[in-house]
Amino acid sequence: MILYTIQIGTPIIAIESGYVEALGWNQYGGWRIGIRSFDGKRYYYYAHLRQNFPYNKDLKEGSIVTAGDVIGYMGHTGYSKKENVNNIEVVHLHWGLQLIFDESQKDSDNEIWIDCYELTKFLYRNRSETKKEEKTKEWRRVYQMKDPPAQEAGQKRSD
């Protein structure tokens, strides 16, 4: 079941606040972003992002993102050892949620990944409103939110 028609460049919104742990090309996921929750117990994987301009230009590994921030743009990259290749026919977002109760689970046979379909439908109904800035062509959230863990993490980084 498709929730709605998706176009290349549709903004991708961070589901939870956290740190950017992975950013860049992966031969299977194409352009992708991995965000770890501040408590380290959840890891969000967003893959198959747009060719040439896959994610927010201000992001880098270690960046802090707040739930609702525009982090990337929909595409169909991946399944290639060569970077920046569109080898997937349908524009879509591959996203996953990994639960991490013990750090040794992260890259082992004991990984716990969650089927996110019902959660995706919920998030679609309650998504963050965004607008495109004509000058920069970037998408930004319309309404800022107070997220104490994100503010605290940002404060710790600036100290």
C-alpha atoms as a PDB file:
ATOM      1  CA  MET A   1       0.000   0.000   0.000  1.00  0.00           C
ATOM      2  CA  ILE A   2       1.389   3.422  -0.971  1.00  0.00           C
ATOM      3  CA  LEU A   3       0.481   6.264   1.388  1.00  0.00           C
ATOM      4  CA  TYR A   4       0.745   8.921  -1.319  1.00  0.00           C
ATOM      5  CA  THR A   5       2.612   9.646  -4.518  1.00  0.00           C
ATOM      6  CA  ILE A   6       6.178  10.666  -3.748  1.00  0.00           C
ATOM      7  CA  GLN A   7       8.279  12.970  -5.892  1.00  0.00           C
ATOM      8  CA  ILE A   8      12.040  13.271  -6.004  1.00  0.00           C
ATOM      9  CA  GLY A   9      13.040  16.014  -3.596  1.00  0.00           C
ATOM     10  CA  THR A  10      10.160  15.566  -1.149  1.00  0.00           C
ATOM     11  CA  PRO A  11      11.567  16.626   2.254  1.00  0.00           C
ATOM     12  CA  ILE A  12      12.411  13.908   4.790  1.00  0.00           C
ATOM     13  CA  ILE A  13      11.768  14.817   8.408  1.00  0.00           C
ATOM     14  CA  ALA A  14      13.698  13.558  11.470  1.00  0.00           C
ATOM     15  CA  ILE A  15      11.464  11.306  13.529  1.00  0.00           C
ATOM     16  CA  GLU A  16      13.325  11.779  16.801  1.00  0.00           C
ATOM     17  CA  SER A  17      16.000  14.153  18.032  1.00  0.00           C
ATOM     18  CA  GLY A  18      19.534  12.797  18.187  1.00  0.00           C
ATOM     19  CA  TYR A  19      23.032  12.758  16.700  1.00  0.00           C
ATOM     20  CA  VAL A  20      23.885  12.084  13.067  1.00  0.00           C
ATOM     21  CA  GLU A  21      25.903   8.886  13.346  1.00  0.00           C
ATOM     22  CA  ALA A  22      26.195   7.970   9.659  1.00  0.00           C
ATOM     23  CA  LEU A  23      26.030  10.163   6.585  1.00  0.00           C
ATOM     24  CA  GLY A  24      27.038   9.432   3.027  1.00  0.00           C
ATOM     25  CA  TRP A  25      26.973   6.726   0.375  1.00  0.00           C
ATOM     26  CA  ASN A  26      26.262   3.045   0.987  1.00  0.00           C
ATOM     27  CA  GLN A  27      26.193   0.626  -1.967  1.00  0.00           C
ATOM     28  CA  TYR A  28      22.803  -0.780  -0.926  1.00  0.00           C
ATOM     29  CA  GLY A  29      21.069   2.233   0.622  1.00  0.00           C
ATOM     30  CA  GLY A  30      22.520   4.835  -1.733  1.00  0.00           C
ATOM     31  CA  TRP A  31      22.724   8.233  -0.070  1.00  0.00           C
ATOM     32  CA  ARG A  32      21.710   7.645   3.524  1.00  0.00           C
ATOM     33  CA  ILE A  33      21.531   9.150   7.002  1.00  0.00           C
ATOM     34  CA  GLY A  34      21.704   7.337  10.350  1.00  0.00           C
ATOM     35  CA  ILE A  35      20.545   9.141  13.487  1.00  0.00           C
ATOM     36  CA  ARG A  36      21.079   7.798  17.018  1.00  0.00           C
ATOM     37  CA  SER A  37      18.750   8.951  19.816  1.00  0.00           C
ATOM     38  CA  PHE A  38      20.375  10.910  22.631  1.00  0.00           C
ATOM     39  CA  ASP A  39      19.913   8.020  25.061  1.00  0.00           C
ATOM     40  CA  GLY A  40      21.594   5.675  22.537  1.00  0.00           C
ATOM     41  CA  LYS A  41      18.699   3.197  22.547  1.00  0.00           C
ATOM     42  CA  ARG A  42      17.282   3.879  19.068  1.00  0.00           C
ATOM     43  CA  TYR A  43      18.907   4.204  15.655  1.00  0.00           C
ATOM     44  CA  TYR A  44      16.985   5.563  12.658  1.00  0.00           C
ATOM     45  CA  TYR A  45      18.089   4.705   9.138  1.00  0.00           C
ATOM     46  CA  TYR A  46      16.920   6.820   6.169  1.00  0.00           C
ATOM     47  CA  ALA A  47      18.063   5.537   2.747  1.00  0.00           C
ATOM     48  CA  HIS A  48      17.730   5.953  -1.057  1.00  0.00           C
ATOM     49  CA  LEU A  49      17.948   9.750  -0.822  1.00  0.00           C
ATOM     50  CA  ARG A  50      18.077  12.125  -3.779  1.00  0.00           C
ATOM     51  CA  GLN A  51      20.960  12.117  -6.247  1.00  0.00           C
ATOM     52  CA  ASN A  52      23.358  15.121  -6.152  1.00  0.00           C
ATOM     53  CA  PHE A  53      21.723  16.862  -3.156  1.00  0.00           C
ATOM     54  CA  PRO A  54      20.611  14.083  -0.794  1.00  0.00           C
ATOM     55  CA  TYR A  55      20.528  15.811   2.578  1.00  0.00           C
ATOM     56  CA  ASN A  56      20.553  19.138   4.323  1.00  0.00           C
ATOM     57  CA  LYS A  57      23.876  20.797   3.460  1.00  0.00           C
ATOM     58  CA  ASP A  58      24.496  21.724   7.116  1.00  0.00           C
ATOM     59  CA  LEU A  59      24.506  18.099   8.292  1.00  0.00           C
ATOM     60  CA  LYS A  60      27.672  16.173   9.086  1.00  0.00           C
ATOM     61  CA  GLU A  61      28.469  13.217  11.306  1.00  0.00           C
ATOM     62  CA  GLY A  62      28.011  14.380  14.890  1.00  0.00           C
ATOM     63  CA  SER A  63      25.415  17.053  14.034  1.00  0.00           C
ATOM     64  CA  ILE A  64      22.470  17.409  16.390  1.00  0.00           C
ATOM     65  CA  VAL A  65      19.015  17.204  14.805  1.00  0.00           C
ATOM     66  CA  THR A  66      15.664  17.961  16.415  1.00  0.00           C
ATOM     67  CA  ALA A  67      12.549  15.902  15.731  1.00  0.00           C
ATOM     68  CA  GLY A  68      10.740  17.570  12.809  1.00  0.00           C
ATOM     69  CA  ASP A  69      13.874  19.014  11.177  1.00  0.00           C
ATOM     70  CA  VAL A  70      14.270  18.555   7.427  1.00  0.00           C
ATOM     71  CA  ILE A  71      17.238  16.186   7.162  1.00  0.00           C
ATOM     72  CA  GLY A  72      17.141  14.992   3.563  1.00  0.00           C
ATOM     73  CA  TYR A  73      15.253  14.623   0.300  1.00  0.00           C
ATOM     74  CA  MET A  74      13.445  11.683  -1.275  1.00  0.00           C
ATOM     75  CA  GLY A  75      15.140   9.881  -4.134  1.00  0.00           C
ATOM     76  CA  HIS A  76      15.945   6.461  -5.554  1.00  0.00           C
ATOM     77  CA  THR A  77      19.706   6.006  -5.212  1.00  0.00           C
ATOM     78  CA  GLY A  78      21.465   2.796  -4.278  1.00  0.00           C
ATOM     79  CA  TYR A  79      22.314  -0.752  -5.260  1.00  0.00           C
ATOM     80  CA  SER A  80      25.591   0.346  -6.825  1.00  0.00           C
ATOM     81  CA  LYS A  81      29.222   0.402  -5.726  1.00  0.00           C
ATOM     82  CA  LYS A  82      29.550   3.659  -7.673  1.00  0.00           C
ATOM     83  CA  GLU A  83      28.357   6.762  -5.802  1.00  0.00           C
ATOM     84  CA  ASN A  84      25.389   8.882  -6.842  1.00  0.00           C
ATOM     85  CA  VAL A  85      23.635   6.253  -8.981  1.00  0.00           C
ATOM     86  CA  ASN A  86      19.862   5.872  -9.363  1.00  0.00           C
ATOM     87  CA  ASN A  87      19.352   2.114  -9.659  1.00  0.00           C
ATOM     88  CA  ILE A  88      15.925   1.890  -8.035  1.00  0.00           C
ATOM     89  CA  GLU A  89      12.824   2.416 -10.174  1.00  0.00           C
ATOM     90  CA  VAL A  90      10.431   3.756  -7.536  1.00  0.00           C
ATOM     91  CA  VAL A  91      11.112   6.926  -5.558  1.00  0.00           C
ATOM     92  CA  HIS A  92      10.712   5.972  -1.911  1.00  0.00           C
ATOM     93  CA  LEU A  93      12.204   6.275   1.537  1.00  0.00           C
ATOM     94  CA  HIS A  94      13.665   3.170   3.099  1.00  0.00           C
ATOM     95  CA  TRP A  95      13.661   3.863   6.795  1.00  0.00           C
ATOM     96  CA  GLY A  96      14.202   1.599   9.698  1.00  0.00           C
ATOM     97  CA  LEU A  97      14.218   1.703  13.458  1.00  0.00           C
ATOM     98  CA  GLN A  98      16.718  -0.355  15.402  1.00  0.00           C
ATOM     99  CA  LEU A  99      16.287  -0.841  19.145  1.00  0.00           C
ATOM    100  CA  ILE A 100      19.576  -1.052  21.029  1.00  0.00           C
ATOM    101  CA  PHE A 101      19.437  -2.427  24.554  1.00  0.00           C
ATOM    102  CA  ASP A 102      23.105  -3.375  24.574  1.00  0.00           C
ATOM    103  CA  GLU A 103      25.752  -1.768  22.351  1.00  0.00           C
ATOM    104  CA  SER A 104      26.980  -5.223  21.317  1.00  0.00           C
ATOM    105  CA  GLN A 105      23.631  -5.729  19.508  1.00  0.00           C
ATOM    106  CA  LYS A 106      24.319  -2.956  17.007  1.00  0.00           C
ATOM    107  CA  ASP A 107      26.382  -5.009  14.544  1.00  0.00           C
ATOM    108  CA  SER A 108      25.589  -8.570  15.562  1.00  0.00           C
ATOM    109  CA  ASP A 109      23.141 -11.369  14.827  1.00  0.00           C
ATOM    110  CA  ASN A 110      21.079 -10.059  17.778  1.00  0.00           C
ATOM    111  CA  GLU A 111      20.042  -6.801  16.113  1.00  0.00           C
ATOM    112  CA  ILE A 112      16.444  -5.776  16.768  1.00  0.00           C
ATOM    113  CA  TRP A 113      14.804  -3.954  13.850  1.00  0.00           C
ATOM    114  CA  ILE A 114      11.163  -2.821  13.968  1.00  0.00           C
ATOM    115  CA  ASP A 115       8.580  -3.023  11.150  1.00  0.00           C
ATOM    116  CA  CYS A 116       7.719   0.646  10.794  1.00  0.00           C
ATOM    117  CA  TYR A 117       4.653   0.538   8.545  1.00  0.00           C
ATOM    118  CA  GLU A 118       2.038   1.407  11.211  1.00  0.00           C
ATOM    119  CA  LEU A 119       4.370   4.020  12.685  1.00  0.00           C
ATOM    120  CA  THR A 120       4.835   5.519   9.209  1.00  0.00           C
ATOM    121  CA  LYS A 121       1.088   5.915   8.760  1.00  0.00           C
ATOM    122  CA  PHE A 122       0.862   7.636  12.164  1.00  0.00           C
ATOM    123  CA  LEU A 123       3.749   9.989  11.352  1.00  0.00           C
ATOM    124  CA  TYR A 124       2.234  10.820   7.958  1.00  0.00           C
ATOM    125  CA  ARG A 125      -1.001  11.903   9.624  1.00  0.00           C
ATOM    126  CA  ASN A 126       0.955  14.027  12.140  1.00  0.00           C
ATOM    127  CA  ARG A 127       3.842  15.289  10.002  1.00  0.00           C
ATOM    128  CA  SER A 128       5.762  18.511  10.514  1.00  0.00           C
ATOM    129  CA  GLU A 129       4.804  21.334   8.142  1.00  0.00           C
ATOM    130  CA  THR A 130       7.660  22.514   5.917  1.00  0.00           C
ATOM    131  CA  LYS A 131       8.267  25.306   3.409  1.00  0.00           C
ATOM    132  CA  LYS A 132      10.827  25.871   0.697  1.00  0.00           C
ATOM    133  CA  GLU A 133      13.152  28.865   0.986  1.00  0.00           C
ATOM    134  CA  GLU A 134      13.352  30.327  -2.506  1.00  0.00           C
ATOM    135  CA  LYS A 135      16.787  31.857  -1.997  1.00  0.00           C
ATOM    136  CA  THR A 136      18.550  28.647  -0.913  1.00  0.00           C
ATOM    137  CA  LYS A 137      16.060  26.104  -2.376  1.00  0.00           C
ATOM    138  CA  GLU A 138      16.252  24.259   0.980  1.00  0.00           C
ATOM    139  CA  TRP A 139      13.242  23.067   2.925  1.00  0.00           C
ATOM    140  CA  ARG A 140      12.815  24.109   6.569  1.00  0.00           C
ATOM    141  CA  ARG A 141      10.283  23.348   9.239  1.00  0.00           C
ATOM    142  CA  VAL A 142       7.573  26.012   9.673  1.00  0.00           C
ATOM    143  CA  TYR A 143       7.123  25.729  13.432  1.00  0.00           C
ATOM    144  CA  GLN A 144      10.013  25.323  15.852  1.00  0.00           C
ATOM    145  CA  MET A 145       9.499  23.072  18.833  1.00  0.00           C
ATOM    146  CA  LYS A 146      11.032  22.949  22.269  1.00  0.00           C
ATOM    147  CA  ASP A 147      12.905  19.716  22.744  1.00  0.00           C
ATOM    148  CA  PRO A 148      14.825  19.823  26.051  1.00  0.00           C
ATOM    149  CA  PRO A 149      17.125  16.846  25.212  1.00  0.00           C
ATOM    150  CA  ALA A 150      18.154  18.494  21.906  1.00  0.00           C
ATOM    151  CA  GLN A 151      18.705  21.847  23.607  1.00  0.00           C
ATOM    152  CA  GLU A 152      20.742  20.193  26.369  1.00  0.00           C
ATOM    153  CA  ALA A 153      22.871  18.283  23.853  1.00  0.00           C
ATOM    154  CA  GLY A 154      23.499  21.483  21.903  1.00  0.00           C
ATOM    155  CA  GLN A 155      24.508  23.270  25.086  1.00  0.00           C
ATOM    156  CA  LYS A 156      26.966  20.495  26.004  1.00  0.00           C
ATOM    157  CA  ARG A 157      28.578  20.775  22.550  1.00  0.00           C
ATOM    158  CA  SER A 158      29.065  24.547  22.873  1.00  0.00           C
ATOM    159  CA  ASP A 159      30.608  24.315  26.393  1.00  0.00           C
END
